Amino acid sequence: MSKKSGARVLAIKDALRGMTRINPEIRYKNCFESAEFSVGVIAFRPESNRDAKQINHDDKDVICHVLKGHGRLRLKDRRISLRPGMLCHIPKGTPHDFAAGKRSELVLFYSLIHTG
């Protein structure tokens, strides 16, 4: 990561190398954070025994950009197919979860924006 004049720059390839494992299915790297937002990358591996539990963020909107792979986003009972280049906005308080497709890891760039 380089830092000049308060700006911070991190290559996605470097973020993907330094990811922390949450469980066998999910890895992530929080790249930048402030009181108003946090951004990073998260990867979902194809997993037959995945935990389909939905989460929500009571005080944060979620914005995701699909960087690599295919998968799905589940919003309450709605399922949306994901592929590279797609953007997702999940309003605060909306139950959701992501899952990789059967053959490839799903990699997302995410922003959690504090909305109060």
C-alpha atoms as a PDB file:
ATOM      1  CA  MET A   1       0.000   0.000   0.000  1.00  0.00           C
ATOM      2  CA  SER A   2       1.360   3.426  -0.848  1.00  0.00           C
ATOM      3  CA  LYS A   3       0.415   6.660   0.899  1.00  0.00           C
ATOM      4  CA  LYS A   4       1.026  10.171  -0.439  1.00  0.00           C
ATOM      5  CA  SER A   5      -0.656  13.391   0.693  1.00  0.00           C
ATOM      6  CA  GLY A   6      -3.163  11.429   2.785  1.00  0.00           C
ATOM      7  CA  ALA A   7      -4.228   9.283  -0.194  1.00  0.00           C
ATOM      8  CA  ARG A   8      -3.911   5.525   0.163  1.00  0.00           C
ATOM      9  CA  VAL A   9      -3.544   3.089  -2.714  1.00  0.00           C
ATOM     10  CA  LEU A  10      -3.692  -0.701  -2.585  1.00  0.00           C
ATOM     11  CA  ALA A  11      -3.621  -3.075  -5.541  1.00  0.00           C
ATOM     12  CA  ILE A  12      -6.483  -5.594  -5.519  1.00  0.00           C
ATOM     13  CA  LYS A  13      -3.970  -8.405  -6.154  1.00  0.00           C
ATOM     14  CA  ASP A  14      -2.175  -7.436  -2.917  1.00  0.00           C
ATOM     15  CA  ALA A  15      -5.444  -7.336  -0.959  1.00  0.00           C
ATOM     16  CA  LEU A  16      -6.334 -10.804  -2.261  1.00  0.00           C
ATOM     17  CA  ARG A  17      -3.010 -12.171  -0.969  1.00  0.00           C
ATOM     18  CA  GLY A  18      -3.541 -10.858   2.552  1.00  0.00           C
ATOM     19  CA  MET A  19      -7.063 -12.124   3.195  1.00  0.00           C
ATOM     20  CA  THR A  20      -8.257 -13.460   6.563  1.00  0.00           C
ATOM     21  CA  ARG A  21     -10.279 -16.665   6.652  1.00  0.00           C
ATOM     22  CA  ILE A  22     -13.644 -16.428   8.446  1.00  0.00           C
ATOM     23  CA  ASN A  23     -14.538 -20.068   7.726  1.00  0.00           C
ATOM     24  CA  PRO A  24     -13.804 -22.614   4.927  1.00  0.00           C
ATOM     25  CA  GLU A  25     -16.137 -20.711   2.584  1.00  0.00           C
ATOM     26  CA  ILE A  26     -15.327 -17.015   3.250  1.00  0.00           C
ATOM     27  CA  ARG A  27     -12.143 -14.912   3.268  1.00  0.00           C
ATOM     28  CA  TYR A  28     -11.896 -11.112   3.455  1.00  0.00           C
ATOM     29  CA  LYS A  29      -9.541  -8.156   3.693  1.00  0.00           C
ATOM     30  CA  ASN A  30     -10.664  -4.825   5.135  1.00  0.00           C
ATOM     31  CA  CYS A  31      -8.566  -2.327   3.127  1.00  0.00           C
ATOM     32  CA  PHE A  32      -9.565   1.159   4.292  1.00  0.00           C
ATOM     33  CA  GLU A  33     -11.735   2.323   7.164  1.00  0.00           C
ATOM     34  CA  SER A  34     -12.975   5.551   8.720  1.00  0.00           C
ATOM     35  CA  ALA A  35     -15.891   6.574  10.934  1.00  0.00           C
ATOM     36  CA  GLU A  36     -18.077   6.896   7.810  1.00  0.00           C
ATOM     37  CA  PHE A  37     -17.134   3.815   5.771  1.00  0.00           C
ATOM     38  CA  SER A  38     -15.073   0.674   5.382  1.00  0.00           C
ATOM     39  CA  VAL A  39     -14.019  -0.950   2.104  1.00  0.00           C
ATOM     40  CA  GLY A  40     -12.321  -4.173   1.188  1.00  0.00           C
ATOM     41  CA  VAL A  41     -12.502  -7.433  -0.708  1.00  0.00           C
ATOM     42  CA  ILE A  42     -14.361 -10.597   0.196  1.00  0.00           C
ATOM     43  CA  ALA A  43     -14.217 -14.013  -1.478  1.00  0.00           C
ATOM     44  CA  PHE A  44     -16.688 -16.883  -1.310  1.00  0.00           C
ATOM     45  CA  ARG A  45     -15.485 -20.358  -2.255  1.00  0.00           C
ATOM     46  CA  PRO A  46     -17.814 -22.981  -3.716  1.00  0.00           C
ATOM     47  CA  GLU A  47     -18.973 -24.921  -0.676  1.00  0.00           C
ATOM     48  CA  SER A  48     -21.485 -27.754  -0.484  1.00  0.00           C
ATOM     49  CA  ASN A  49     -22.034 -27.310   3.268  1.00  0.00           C
ATOM     50  CA  ARG A  50     -22.279 -23.524   3.318  1.00  0.00           C
ATOM     51  CA  ASP A  51     -24.007 -21.603   6.076  1.00  0.00           C
ATOM     52  CA  ALA A  52     -26.981 -19.928   4.359  1.00  0.00           C
ATOM     53  CA  LYS A  53     -27.566 -17.584   7.283  1.00  0.00           C
ATOM     54  CA  GLN A  54     -28.469 -14.068   6.183  1.00  0.00           C
ATOM     55  CA  ILE A  55     -26.943 -11.012   7.838  1.00  0.00           C
ATOM     56  CA  ASN A  56     -27.946  -7.368   7.897  1.00  0.00           C
ATOM     57  CA  HIS A  57     -26.284  -4.121   8.822  1.00  0.00           C
ATOM     58  CA  ASP A  58     -28.633  -1.914  10.844  1.00  0.00           C
ATOM     59  CA  ASP A  59     -26.599   1.257  10.295  1.00  0.00           C
ATOM     60  CA  LYS A  60     -24.772   0.623   6.989  1.00  0.00           C
ATOM     61  CA  ASP A  61     -25.640   0.459   3.309  1.00  0.00           C
ATOM     62  CA  VAL A  62     -23.604  -2.141   1.389  1.00  0.00           C
ATOM     63  CA  ILE A  63     -22.251  -1.555  -2.113  1.00  0.00           C
ATOM     64  CA  CYS A  64     -20.501  -4.443  -3.874  1.00  0.00           C
ATOM     65  CA  HIS A  65     -18.740  -4.771  -7.217  1.00  0.00           C
ATOM     66  CA  VAL A  66     -18.270  -8.306  -8.565  1.00  0.00           C
ATOM     67  CA  LEU A  67     -14.596  -8.575  -9.524  1.00  0.00           C
ATOM     68  CA  LYS A  68     -14.309 -12.270 -10.392  1.00  0.00           C
ATOM     69  CA  GLY A  69     -16.359 -15.458 -10.585  1.00  0.00           C
ATOM     70  CA  HIS A  70     -20.047 -16.187 -10.575  1.00  0.00           C
ATOM     71  CA  GLY A  71     -22.508 -16.670  -7.760  1.00  0.00           C
ATOM     72  CA  ARG A  72     -25.638 -15.272  -6.240  1.00  0.00           C
ATOM     73  CA  LEU A  73     -26.930 -12.637  -3.872  1.00  0.00           C
ATOM     74  CA  ARG A  74     -29.963 -13.500  -1.774  1.00  0.00           C
ATOM     75  CA  LEU A  75     -32.057 -10.581  -0.497  1.00  0.00           C
ATOM     76  CA  LYS A  76     -34.723 -11.910   1.870  1.00  0.00           C
ATOM     77  CA  ASP A  77     -36.313 -14.538  -0.459  1.00  0.00           C
ATOM     78  CA  ARG A  78     -35.110 -13.050  -3.776  1.00  0.00           C
ATOM     79  CA  ARG A  79     -32.094 -14.610  -5.543  1.00  0.00           C
ATOM     80  CA  ILE A  80     -29.992 -12.581  -7.979  1.00  0.00           C
ATOM     81  CA  SER A  81     -27.343 -14.170 -10.229  1.00  0.00           C
ATOM     82  CA  LEU A  82     -23.979 -12.389 -10.116  1.00  0.00           C
ATOM     83  CA  ARG A  83     -21.171 -12.150 -12.667  1.00  0.00           C
ATOM     84  CA  PRO A  84     -18.086  -9.920 -13.087  1.00  0.00           C
ATOM     85  CA  GLY A  85     -18.819  -6.247 -13.592  1.00  0.00           C
ATOM     86  CA  MET A  86     -22.122  -6.192 -11.711  1.00  0.00           C
ATOM     87  CA  LEU A  87     -22.786  -3.690  -8.905  1.00  0.00           C
ATOM     88  CA  CYS A  88     -25.101  -4.341  -5.960  1.00  0.00           C
ATOM     89  CA  HIS A  89     -26.637  -1.901  -3.476  1.00  0.00           C
ATOM     90  CA  ILE A  90     -28.092  -3.377  -0.290  1.00  0.00           C
ATOM     91  CA  PRO A  91     -29.910  -0.801   1.885  1.00  0.00           C
ATOM     92  CA  LYS A  92     -29.270  -0.828   5.624  1.00  0.00           C
ATOM     93  CA  GLY A  93     -31.346  -3.355   7.536  1.00  0.00           C
ATOM     94  CA  THR A  94     -31.863  -5.654   4.504  1.00  0.00           C
ATOM     95  CA  PRO A  95     -31.196  -9.356   5.230  1.00  0.00           C
ATOM     96  CA  HIS A  96     -28.762 -10.761   2.656  1.00  0.00           C
ATOM     97  CA  ASP A  97     -26.079 -13.320   1.890  1.00  0.00           C
ATOM     98  CA  PHE A  98     -23.742 -14.205  -0.971  1.00  0.00           C
ATOM     99  CA  ALA A  99     -22.619 -17.580  -2.325  1.00  0.00           C
ATOM    100  CA  ALA A 100     -20.180 -18.685  -5.020  1.00  0.00           C
ATOM    101  CA  GLY A 101     -21.284 -20.698  -8.003  1.00  0.00           C
ATOM    102  CA  LYS A 102     -20.494 -24.401  -8.193  1.00  0.00           C
ATOM    103  CA  ARG A 103     -17.208 -24.041 -10.110  1.00  0.00           C
ATOM    104  CA  SER A 104     -15.581 -20.734  -9.263  1.00  0.00           C
ATOM    105  CA  GLU A 105     -14.801 -18.473  -6.346  1.00  0.00           C
ATOM    106  CA  LEU A 106     -16.907 -15.286  -6.135  1.00  0.00           C
ATOM    107  CA  VAL A 107     -14.764 -12.200  -5.367  1.00  0.00           C
ATOM    108  CA  LEU A 108     -16.350  -8.873  -4.452  1.00  0.00           C
ATOM    109  CA  PHE A 109     -15.073  -5.388  -3.701  1.00  0.00           C
ATOM    110  CA  TYR A 110     -17.318  -4.039  -0.925  1.00  0.00           C
ATOM    111  CA  SER A 111     -18.097  -0.710   0.686  1.00  0.00           C
ATOM    112  CA  LEU A 112     -19.961  -0.466   3.983  1.00  0.00           C
ATOM    113  CA  ILE A 113     -21.279   3.085   4.271  1.00  0.00           C
ATOM    114  CA  HIS A 114     -22.464   4.236   7.702  1.00  0.00           C
ATOM    115  CA  THR A 115     -25.901   5.785   7.288  1.00  0.00           C
ATOM    116  CA  GLY A 116     -26.852   5.990  10.966  1.00  0.00           C
END
